[in-house]
Amino acid sequence: MRIVMAEDDPLLREGLALLLRAEGLDVVATAGTPEGALAAIEEHRPDIAILDVRMPPTHTDEGIRTAVEARRRRPGLAVLVLSGYVEQSFAAELLGGGVGGLGYLLKERVGRVEEFLDALRRVAGGGTAIDPEVVAQLFTRSRQDPRLERLSPRERDVLGLMAEGLGNTAIAGRLVVTEGAVHKHIRSIFAKLELSPGDQVDRRVAAVLRYLEEERRLA
C-alpha cells in the first residue's frame, strides 16, 4: 500500500510515518501543507492519502478541501482524513462527494494501532471508515429526523456499526448475534429510513450521510 500523508505538525507527521513503515506500509511522501500534499499525490499516485483536517494557512478546513480536490483530480483516490475532534459539517462535506474509499477518524484513534490499521486498509480497499464518536454524536444530536426515531435500540446499534464501515460478519461478532439476525435488522433499517434498492448510492453509507447532512443544517 502506497501512502501520501499530510500533517502540519512535524512530530506527529514523522511519528505516524514511522508507525506505518514499521507495519510494512510504504509511505512514499509526507507534506506539511495542502499544496505539498496535492503535489505529492500528483507525483507519486498513491493508493491512499492521509490528510489532517486543519492545515495552513487558516487551520480550519484545508484538509477537507485538499481531499475533495485530490479526488477531483484523481477520481477514486482513497482518502482518510484525521481530525482532533468531531466536526460533523466537515465530515458531511467530505463524504457527500462520494461513498467509496473515504474515511474520517479522530486522531486519538491512531493510538489504537490495530483499529487504525484496520480502518486504513478498509478505506484503501474502497470501503468506508467513520469514527465511532462521530456516529455517537449523530445519534444523540440529530433527533429531528423522524426516520431516526423509527429505529429500535438494536437497529441503532447495527446502524452505528454499519456507519463505522463494518461488514455483516464483523457486526454479528461485535453484537454476539447471528449474521442472519444482522441481515434482518439491516433490511428493517433500510425500510424505516426509506432507502430503496434502486438508489444510486450505497445504502449502508447513505444512512449515516443523512445524519451528517442533518447535523450540517443544524450547525
Protein backbone atom coordinates (compact mmCIF):
# COMPACT_ATOMS: atom_id res chain seq x y z
CA MET A 1 0.00 0.00 0.00
CA ARG A 2 1.48 3.31 -1.13
CA ILE A 3 0.64 6.27 1.13
CA VAL A 4 0.97 10.05 0.93
CA MET A 5 0.47 11.79 4.26
CA ALA A 6 -0.11 15.46 5.06
CA GLU A 7 0.13 16.81 8.62
CA ASP A 8 1.47 20.24 9.60
CA ASP A 9 2.82 19.09 12.99
CA PRO A 10 6.31 17.71 12.16
CA LEU A 11 6.46 15.48 15.25
CA LEU A 12 3.09 13.86 14.59
CA ARG A 13 3.82 13.60 10.87
CA GLU A 14 7.11 11.76 11.38
CA GLY A 15 5.72 9.63 14.21
CA LEU A 16 2.80 8.43 12.11
CA ALA A 17 5.07 7.76 9.13
CA LEU A 18 7.36 5.70 11.39
CA LEU A 19 4.40 3.71 12.71
CA LEU A 20 3.12 2.94 9.22
CA ARG A 21 6.53 1.94 7.92
CA ALA A 22 7.03 -0.34 10.92
CA GLU A 23 3.85 -2.11 9.82
CA GLY A 24 5.34 -2.71 6.38
CA LEU A 25 3.40 0.04 4.61
CA ASP A 26 5.04 2.25 2.00
CA VAL A 27 4.86 5.95 2.96
CA VAL A 28 6.10 7.39 -0.33
CA ALA A 29 5.87 11.07 0.69
CA THR A 30 4.88 13.37 3.54
CA ALA A 31 3.85 17.03 3.42
CA GLY A 32 3.02 19.85 5.80
CA THR A 33 0.79 21.97 3.55
CA PRO A 34 -2.19 21.41 1.24
CA GLU A 35 -0.10 22.41 -1.78
CA GLY A 36 2.61 19.93 -0.81
CA ALA A 37 0.04 17.19 -0.38
CA LEU A 38 -1.53 17.74 -3.79
CA ALA A 39 1.90 17.86 -5.46
CA ALA A 40 2.94 14.61 -3.76
CA ILE A 41 -0.32 12.92 -4.79
CA GLU A 42 0.20 14.01 -8.41
CA GLU A 43 3.81 12.81 -8.40
CA HIS A 44 3.54 9.52 -6.53
CA ARG A 45 -0.02 8.42 -7.37
CA PRO A 46 -0.57 6.67 -4.01
CA ASP A 47 -3.20 4.10 -3.13
CA ILE A 48 -4.39 6.32 -0.27
CA ALA A 49 -3.83 9.82 1.11
CA ILE A 50 -3.94 10.52 4.85
CA LEU A 51 -4.79 14.17 5.47
CA ASP A 52 -5.10 16.31 8.59
CA VAL A 53 -8.27 18.44 8.64
CA ARG A 54 -6.55 21.58 9.94
CA MET A 55 -3.54 22.75 7.94
CA PRO A 56 -2.03 26.13 6.95
CA PRO A 57 -2.81 28.84 6.24
CA THR A 58 -6.07 29.16 8.24
CA HIS A 59 -6.02 25.85 10.13
CA THR A 60 -9.75 25.34 9.56
CA ASP A 61 -10.83 23.01 6.74
CA GLU A 62 -7.83 22.90 4.40
CA GLY A 63 -7.54 19.13 4.75
CA ILE A 64 -11.14 18.61 3.66
CA ARG A 65 -10.71 20.93 0.69
CA THR A 66 -7.49 19.15 -0.23
CA ALA A 67 -9.26 15.78 -0.06
CA VAL A 68 -12.09 16.98 -2.30
CA GLU A 69 -9.63 18.50 -4.80
CA ALA A 70 -7.41 15.40 -4.78
CA ARG A 71 -10.39 13.18 -5.58
CA ARG A 72 -11.48 15.61 -8.30
CA ARG A 73 -8.05 15.28 -9.92
CA ARG A 74 -7.80 11.55 -9.31
CA PRO A 75 -11.30 10.04 -9.17
CA GLY A 76 -11.39 7.04 -6.91
CA LEU A 77 -8.38 8.04 -4.81
CA ALA A 78 -8.82 6.64 -1.30
CA VAL A 79 -8.65 9.35 1.36
CA LEU A 80 -8.51 9.05 5.13
CA VAL A 81 -8.97 12.35 6.98
CA LEU A 82 -7.78 12.78 10.58
CA SER A 83 -9.27 15.35 12.94
CA GLY A 84 -8.54 16.43 16.50
CA TYR A 85 -12.22 16.34 17.42
CA VAL A 86 -15.63 15.69 15.89
CA GLU A 87 -16.61 18.17 13.18
CA GLN A 88 -19.77 16.85 11.55
CA SER A 89 -20.05 19.59 8.95
CA PHE A 90 -16.56 18.79 7.65
CA ALA A 91 -17.35 15.08 7.60
CA ALA A 92 -20.51 15.81 5.62
CA GLU A 93 -18.60 17.90 3.09
CA LEU A 94 -16.09 15.12 2.55
CA LEU A 95 -18.47 12.17 2.48
CA GLY A 96 -21.07 14.00 0.43
CA GLY A 97 -18.80 13.80 -2.60
CA GLY A 98 -18.86 10.03 -2.78
CA VAL A 99 -19.17 6.95 -0.63
CA GLY A 100 -16.25 4.73 -1.64
CA GLY A 101 -12.69 4.82 -0.36
CA LEU A 102 -13.32 7.51 2.24
CA GLY A 103 -12.65 7.70 5.96
CA TYR A 104 -12.98 10.25 8.77
CA LEU A 105 -11.26 9.37 12.06
CA LEU A 106 -10.28 11.19 15.22
CA LYS A 107 -6.52 11.41 15.79
CA GLU A 108 -6.88 9.57 19.09
CA ARG A 109 -7.81 6.51 17.03
CA VAL A 110 -4.21 6.36 15.74
CA GLY A 111 -3.07 5.28 19.20
CA ARG A 112 -5.21 2.16 18.88
CA VAL A 113 -2.91 0.76 16.25
CA GLU A 114 -4.81 -2.34 15.14
CA GLU A 115 -8.08 -0.41 14.96
CA PHE A 116 -6.43 2.37 12.98
CA LEU A 117 -4.71 -0.01 10.56
CA ASP A 118 -7.96 -1.91 10.01
CA ALA A 119 -9.72 1.35 9.10
CA LEU A 120 -6.82 2.37 6.84
CA ARG A 121 -6.89 -0.90 4.92
CA ARG A 122 -10.68 -0.80 4.65
CA VAL A 123 -10.60 2.68 3.11
CA ALA A 124 -7.71 1.79 0.79
CA GLY A 125 -9.76 -1.19 -0.39
CA GLY A 126 -12.65 1.06 -1.41
CA GLY A 127 -14.67 0.88 1.80
CA THR A 128 -15.51 3.50 4.39
CA ALA A 129 -14.47 4.20 7.97
CA ILE A 130 -16.31 6.75 10.09
CA ASP A 131 -15.12 7.33 13.64
CA PRO A 132 -17.44 5.78 16.26
CA GLU A 133 -17.50 9.10 18.13
CA VAL A 134 -18.88 10.84 15.04
CA VAL A 135 -21.59 8.21 14.81
CA ALA A 136 -22.40 8.51 18.52
CA GLN A 137 -22.82 12.28 18.30
CA LEU A 138 -25.01 11.96 15.23
CA PHE A 139 -27.35 9.63 17.08
CA THR A 140 -27.59 11.90 20.13
CA ARG A 141 -27.84 15.24 18.33
CA SER A 142 -29.73 14.59 15.10
CA ARG A 143 -33.07 13.56 16.57
CA GLN A 144 -35.08 15.95 14.38
CA ASP A 145 -35.15 13.48 11.50
CA PRO A 146 -38.36 11.49 12.23
CA ARG A 147 -36.98 8.48 10.41
CA LEU A 148 -34.31 8.08 13.07
CA GLU A 149 -36.99 7.79 15.74
CA ARG A 150 -38.40 4.73 13.97
CA LEU A 151 -35.31 2.65 14.72
CA SER A 152 -35.27 0.20 17.61
CA PRO A 153 -32.32 0.25 20.06
CA ARG A 154 -30.82 -2.83 18.40
CA GLU A 155 -31.23 -1.27 14.94
CA ARG A 156 -29.41 1.80 16.22
CA ASP A 157 -26.56 -0.45 17.34
CA VAL A 158 -26.40 -2.13 13.96
CA LEU A 159 -26.56 1.15 12.04
CA GLY A 160 -23.84 2.63 14.21
CA LEU A 161 -21.50 -0.24 13.33
CA MET A 162 -22.53 -0.04 9.67
CA ALA A 163 -21.63 3.65 9.70
CA GLU A 164 -18.18 2.81 11.04
CA GLY A 165 -17.74 0.66 7.94
CA LEU A 166 -18.09 -2.82 9.46
CA GLY A 167 -19.48 -5.66 7.37
CA ASN A 168 -22.22 -8.07 8.47
CA THR A 169 -19.81 -10.68 9.86
CA ALA A 170 -17.97 -8.13 11.97
CA ILE A 171 -21.25 -6.62 13.20
CA ALA A 172 -22.51 -10.06 14.20
CA GLY A 173 -19.31 -10.70 16.12
CA ARG A 174 -19.42 -7.34 17.88
CA LEU A 175 -23.05 -7.74 18.94
CA VAL A 176 -22.82 -11.52 19.55
CA VAL A 177 -25.72 -12.34 17.24
CA THR A 178 -26.06 -14.37 14.05
CA GLU A 179 -25.37 -12.94 10.61
CA GLY A 180 -28.98 -13.75 9.74
CA ALA A 181 -30.16 -11.50 12.56
CA VAL A 182 -27.88 -8.71 11.35
CA HIS A 183 -29.23 -9.07 7.80
CA LYS A 184 -32.79 -8.86 9.13
CA HIS A 185 -32.00 -5.71 11.13
CA ILE A 186 -30.38 -4.09 8.10
CA ARG A 187 -33.41 -4.77 5.91
CA SER A 188 -35.57 -3.14 8.56
CA ILE A 189 -33.23 -0.13 8.81
CA PHE A 190 -33.35 0.45 5.07
CA ALA A 191 -37.14 0.25 5.10
CA LYS A 192 -37.53 2.66 8.03
CA LEU A 193 -35.05 5.14 6.52
CA GLU A 194 -36.79 4.87 3.15
CA LEU A 195 -33.70 3.70 1.29
CA SER A 196 -34.72 1.69 -1.75
CA PRO A 197 -32.58 -0.84 -3.69
CA GLY A 198 -32.77 1.45 -6.72
CA ASP A 199 -30.94 4.31 -5.01
CA GLN A 200 -27.73 5.34 -6.78
CA VAL A 201 -25.62 5.22 -3.58
CA ASP A 202 -24.50 2.54 -1.15
CA ARG A 203 -27.45 2.29 1.23
CA ARG A 204 -25.19 1.34 4.12
CA VAL A 205 -23.39 4.67 3.86
CA ALA A 206 -26.41 6.70 2.73
CA ALA A 207 -27.98 6.17 6.16
CA VAL A 208 -25.20 7.94 8.04
CA LEU A 209 -24.87 10.58 5.31
CA ARG A 210 -28.44 11.63 6.05
CA TYR A 211 -27.50 12.24 9.66
CA LEU A 212 -24.39 14.18 8.62
CA GLU A 213 -26.45 16.38 6.33
CA GLU A 214 -28.99 16.96 9.11
CA GLU A 215 -26.22 17.96 11.50
CA ARG A 216 -24.79 20.37 8.93
CA ARG A 217 -28.21 22.05 8.61
CA LEU A 218 -28.50 22.37 12.39
CA ALA A 219 -24.96 23.74 12.88
